[in-house]
N, C-alpha and C. Protein backbone atom coordinates (compact mmCIF):
# COMPACT_ATOMS: atom_id res chain seq x y z
N UNK A 1 118.11 15.36 135.47
CA UNK A 1 117.22 16.28 134.83
C UNK A 1 115.92 15.56 134.51
N UNK A 2 114.82 16.21 134.86
CA UNK A 2 113.53 15.57 134.59
C UNK A 2 113.11 15.82 133.15
N UNK A 3 112.10 15.11 132.75
CA UNK A 3 111.61 15.22 131.38
C UNK A 3 111.09 16.64 131.12
N UNK A 4 110.47 17.25 132.10
CA UNK A 4 109.95 18.62 131.97
C UNK A 4 111.07 19.62 131.79
N UNK A 5 112.17 19.42 132.52
CA UNK A 5 113.31 20.33 132.40
C UNK A 5 113.94 20.23 131.02
N UNK A 6 113.99 19.03 130.46
CA UNK A 6 114.54 18.82 129.12
C UNK A 6 113.68 19.55 128.09
N UNK A 7 112.37 19.45 128.25
CA UNK A 7 111.45 20.13 127.33
C UNK A 7 111.64 21.64 127.43
N UNK A 8 111.74 22.15 128.67
CA UNK A 8 111.97 23.59 128.86
C UNK A 8 113.28 24.02 128.22
N UNK A 9 114.32 23.23 128.40
CA UNK A 9 115.64 23.54 127.82
C UNK A 9 115.54 23.57 126.30
N UNK A 10 114.84 22.59 125.71
CA UNK A 10 114.66 22.54 124.25
C UNK A 10 113.87 23.76 123.76
N UNK A 11 112.85 24.15 124.51
CA UNK A 11 112.06 25.32 124.14
C UNK A 11 112.92 26.59 124.18
N UNK A 12 113.75 26.68 125.21
CA UNK A 12 114.63 27.85 125.31
C UNK A 12 115.62 27.88 124.16
N UNK A 13 116.18 26.72 123.81
CA UNK A 13 117.10 26.65 122.68
C UNK A 13 116.41 27.04 121.39
N UNK A 14 115.16 26.57 121.21
CA UNK A 14 114.40 26.91 120.00
C UNK A 14 114.14 28.41 119.95
N UNK A 15 113.75 28.98 121.10
CA UNK A 15 113.49 30.42 121.15
C UNK A 15 114.76 31.20 120.82
N UNK A 16 115.88 30.77 121.35
CA UNK A 16 117.15 31.45 121.08
C UNK A 16 117.49 31.36 119.60
N UNK A 17 117.30 30.19 119.02
CA UNK A 17 117.57 30.02 117.59
C UNK A 17 116.64 30.90 116.75
N UNK A 18 115.37 30.96 117.13
CA UNK A 18 114.41 31.79 116.39
C UNK A 18 114.82 33.26 116.46
N UNK A 19 115.22 33.71 117.65
CA UNK A 19 115.67 35.10 117.79
C UNK A 19 116.93 35.36 116.96
N UNK A 20 117.82 34.40 116.94
CA UNK A 20 119.05 34.56 116.15
C UNK A 20 118.72 34.65 114.66
N UNK A 21 117.79 33.82 114.22
CA UNK A 21 117.38 33.85 112.80
C UNK A 21 116.70 35.17 112.49
N UNK A 22 115.83 35.62 113.38
CA UNK A 22 115.16 36.91 113.17
C UNK A 22 116.17 38.06 113.08
N UNK A 23 117.15 38.05 113.98
CA UNK A 23 118.19 39.09 113.93
C UNK A 23 118.97 39.02 112.63
N UNK A 24 119.28 37.82 112.20
CA UNK A 24 120.04 37.66 110.95
C UNK A 24 119.22 38.17 109.76
N UNK A 25 117.92 37.88 109.77
CA UNK A 25 117.05 38.36 108.68
C UNK A 25 116.98 39.89 108.71
N UNK A 26 116.83 40.47 109.89
CA UNK A 26 116.77 41.93 110.01
C UNK A 26 118.07 42.58 109.54
N UNK A 27 119.19 42.01 109.93
CA UNK A 27 120.48 42.54 109.50
C UNK A 27 120.61 42.46 107.99
N UNK A 28 120.22 41.34 107.42
CA UNK A 28 120.28 41.18 105.96
C UNK A 28 119.36 42.19 105.28
N UNK A 29 118.17 42.40 105.83
CA UNK A 29 117.22 43.36 105.27
C UNK A 29 117.79 44.78 105.33
N UNK A 30 118.33 45.15 106.48
CA UNK A 30 118.91 46.49 106.63
C UNK A 30 120.11 46.69 105.71
N UNK A 31 120.92 45.67 105.57
CA UNK A 31 122.07 45.75 104.68
C UNK A 31 121.62 45.93 103.23
N UNK A 32 120.61 45.17 102.85
CA UNK A 32 120.08 45.28 101.49
C UNK A 32 119.49 46.67 101.24
N UNK A 33 118.77 47.19 102.23
CA UNK A 33 118.22 48.54 102.10
C UNK A 33 119.34 49.58 101.98
N UNK A 34 120.39 49.41 102.76
CA UNK A 34 121.53 50.32 102.68
C UNK A 34 122.19 50.26 101.31
N UNK A 35 122.34 49.07 100.79
CA UNK A 35 122.91 48.91 99.44
C UNK A 35 122.03 49.57 98.39
N UNK A 36 120.72 49.41 98.53
CA UNK A 36 119.79 50.01 97.57
C UNK A 36 119.87 51.53 97.63
N UNK A 37 119.96 52.08 98.82
CA UNK A 37 120.10 53.53 98.97
C UNK A 37 121.40 54.00 98.34
N UNK A 38 122.46 53.26 98.56
CA UNK A 38 123.76 53.62 97.99
C UNK A 38 123.73 53.61 96.47
N UNK A 39 123.13 52.58 95.90
CA UNK A 39 123.03 52.48 94.43
C UNK A 39 122.18 53.62 93.89
N UNK A 40 121.06 53.90 94.55
CA UNK A 40 120.19 54.99 94.11
C UNK A 40 120.94 56.32 94.15
N UNK A 41 121.69 56.54 95.20
CA UNK A 41 122.47 57.77 95.33
C UNK A 41 123.49 57.90 94.21
N UNK A 42 124.16 56.80 93.89
CA UNK A 42 125.15 56.81 92.81
C UNK A 42 124.50 57.11 91.47
N UNK A 43 123.35 56.50 91.21
CA UNK A 43 122.64 56.74 89.95
C UNK A 43 122.21 58.20 89.86
N UNK A 44 121.66 58.74 90.94
CA UNK A 44 121.22 60.13 90.93
C UNK A 44 122.38 61.09 90.70
N UNK A 45 123.51 60.81 91.32
CA UNK A 45 124.70 61.65 91.13
C UNK A 45 125.17 61.58 89.69
N UNK A 46 125.14 60.39 89.12
CA UNK A 46 125.55 60.23 87.73
C UNK A 46 124.63 61.01 86.80
N UNK A 47 123.32 60.93 87.06
CA UNK A 47 122.36 61.69 86.24
C UNK A 47 122.57 63.19 86.39
N UNK A 48 122.88 63.62 87.61
CA UNK A 48 123.13 65.04 87.85
C UNK A 48 124.37 65.50 87.08
N UNK A 49 125.42 64.70 87.12
CA UNK A 49 126.64 65.03 86.37
C UNK A 49 126.36 65.08 84.88
N UNK A 50 125.55 64.15 84.39
CA UNK A 50 125.20 64.13 82.97
C UNK A 50 124.44 65.41 82.59
N UNK A 51 123.50 65.82 83.44
CA UNK A 51 122.74 67.04 83.18
C UNK A 51 123.65 68.26 83.17
N UNK A 52 124.59 68.32 84.12
CA UNK A 52 125.54 69.44 84.17
C UNK A 52 126.38 69.48 82.90
N UNK A 53 126.86 68.32 82.46
CA UNK A 53 127.65 68.27 81.24
C UNK A 53 126.82 68.67 80.03
N UNK A 54 125.57 68.24 79.99
CA UNK A 54 124.69 68.60 78.88
C UNK A 54 124.44 70.11 78.88
N UNK A 55 124.26 70.70 80.06
CA UNK A 55 124.08 72.15 80.14
C UNK A 55 125.31 72.89 79.63
N UNK A 56 126.49 72.40 79.98
CA UNK A 56 127.72 73.03 79.50
C UNK A 56 127.84 72.90 77.98
N UNK A 57 127.48 71.75 77.47
CA UNK A 57 127.52 71.55 76.01
C UNK A 57 126.55 72.50 75.33
N UNK A 58 125.35 72.64 75.89
CA UNK A 58 124.36 73.56 75.33
C UNK A 58 124.87 75.01 75.36
N UNK A 59 125.51 75.39 76.47
CA UNK A 59 126.08 76.73 76.57
C UNK A 59 127.16 76.95 75.50
N UNK A 60 128.01 75.95 75.31
CA UNK A 60 129.06 76.07 74.30
C UNK A 60 128.46 76.17 72.90
N UNK A 61 127.42 75.41 72.62
CA UNK A 61 126.75 75.49 71.32
C UNK A 61 126.18 76.89 71.11
N UNK A 62 125.58 77.45 72.15
CA UNK A 62 125.03 78.81 72.06
C UNK A 62 126.13 79.83 71.80
N UNK A 63 127.25 79.65 72.49
CA UNK A 63 128.39 80.57 72.29
C UNK A 63 128.92 80.46 70.87
N UNK A 64 129.03 79.26 70.35
CA UNK A 64 129.51 79.06 68.98
C UNK A 64 128.54 79.71 67.99
N UNK A 65 127.26 79.53 68.22
CA UNK A 65 126.27 80.16 67.33
C UNK A 65 126.38 81.68 67.40
N UNK A 66 126.55 82.20 68.59
CA UNK A 66 126.70 83.65 68.76
C UNK A 66 127.96 84.15 68.04
N UNK A 67 129.06 83.41 68.18
CA UNK A 67 130.29 83.78 67.48
C UNK A 67 130.11 83.72 65.96
N UNK A 68 129.41 82.71 65.49
CA UNK A 68 129.13 82.62 64.05
C UNK A 68 128.30 83.81 63.57
N UNK A 69 127.31 84.19 64.36
CA UNK A 69 126.48 85.35 64.01
C UNK A 69 127.33 86.63 63.98
N UNK A 70 128.18 86.77 64.98
CA UNK A 70 129.05 87.97 65.02
C UNK A 70 130.03 87.98 63.86
N UNK A 71 130.57 86.84 63.52
CA UNK A 71 131.49 86.74 62.40
C UNK A 71 130.78 87.14 61.10
N UNK A 72 129.58 86.69 60.94
CA UNK A 72 128.80 87.03 59.74
C UNK A 72 128.55 88.54 59.68
N UNK A 73 128.23 89.13 60.82
CA UNK A 73 128.00 90.59 60.86
C UNK A 73 129.28 91.35 60.52
N UNK A 74 130.40 90.89 61.06
CA UNK A 74 131.68 91.55 60.75
C UNK A 74 131.98 91.43 59.26
N UNK A 75 131.75 90.29 58.68
CA UNK A 75 131.97 90.10 57.24
C UNK A 75 131.07 91.03 56.43
N UNK A 76 129.82 91.15 56.84
CA UNK A 76 128.91 92.06 56.15
C UNK A 76 129.38 93.51 56.25
N UNK A 77 129.84 93.89 57.44
CA UNK A 77 130.35 95.26 57.61
C UNK A 77 131.59 95.49 56.74
N UNK A 78 132.47 94.49 56.67
CA UNK A 78 133.66 94.62 55.83
C UNK A 78 133.28 94.80 54.37
N UNK A 79 132.30 94.05 53.92
CA UNK A 79 131.84 94.17 52.53
C UNK A 79 131.28 95.57 52.27
N UNK A 80 130.54 96.10 53.21
CA UNK A 80 129.99 97.46 53.06
C UNK A 80 131.11 98.49 53.00
N UNK A 81 132.09 98.30 53.89
CA UNK A 81 133.22 99.25 53.92
C UNK A 81 133.95 99.23 52.59
N UNK A 82 134.20 98.05 52.04
CA UNK A 82 134.91 97.95 50.75
C UNK A 82 134.07 98.55 49.62
N UNK A 83 132.77 98.41 49.67
CA UNK A 83 131.91 99.00 48.66
C UNK A 83 131.98 100.51 48.73
N UNK A 84 131.96 101.03 49.96
CA UNK A 84 132.04 102.49 50.13
C UNK A 84 133.39 102.98 49.64
N UNK A 85 134.47 102.28 49.91
CA UNK A 85 135.79 102.70 49.45
C UNK A 85 135.86 102.70 47.92
N UNK A 86 135.20 101.73 47.31
CA UNK A 86 135.18 101.66 45.85
C UNK A 86 134.41 102.82 45.25
N UNK A 87 133.38 103.25 45.92
CA UNK A 87 132.57 104.33 45.43
C UNK A 87 133.31 105.65 45.55
N UNK A 88 134.01 105.83 46.64
CA UNK A 88 134.72 107.08 46.90
C UNK A 88 135.99 107.09 46.15
């Protein structure tokens, strides 16, 4: 093998190594991006679930308030009925 052939072989090996490193960096970058997307998706889903639960809690609070209002009205009606019975 001549000196020129050795240099060419070394250059080819260097090019191959550079391409391998570039591929490894690209794979690592894509993997990291995929992980970031996955984490973002999980966080968004968690926030969505939290909002849904908060909406349900708010609905239940409204229902309880409505029931309390209705109970108060029924009590007022009962008091009126008893007053009318006392008068008659």
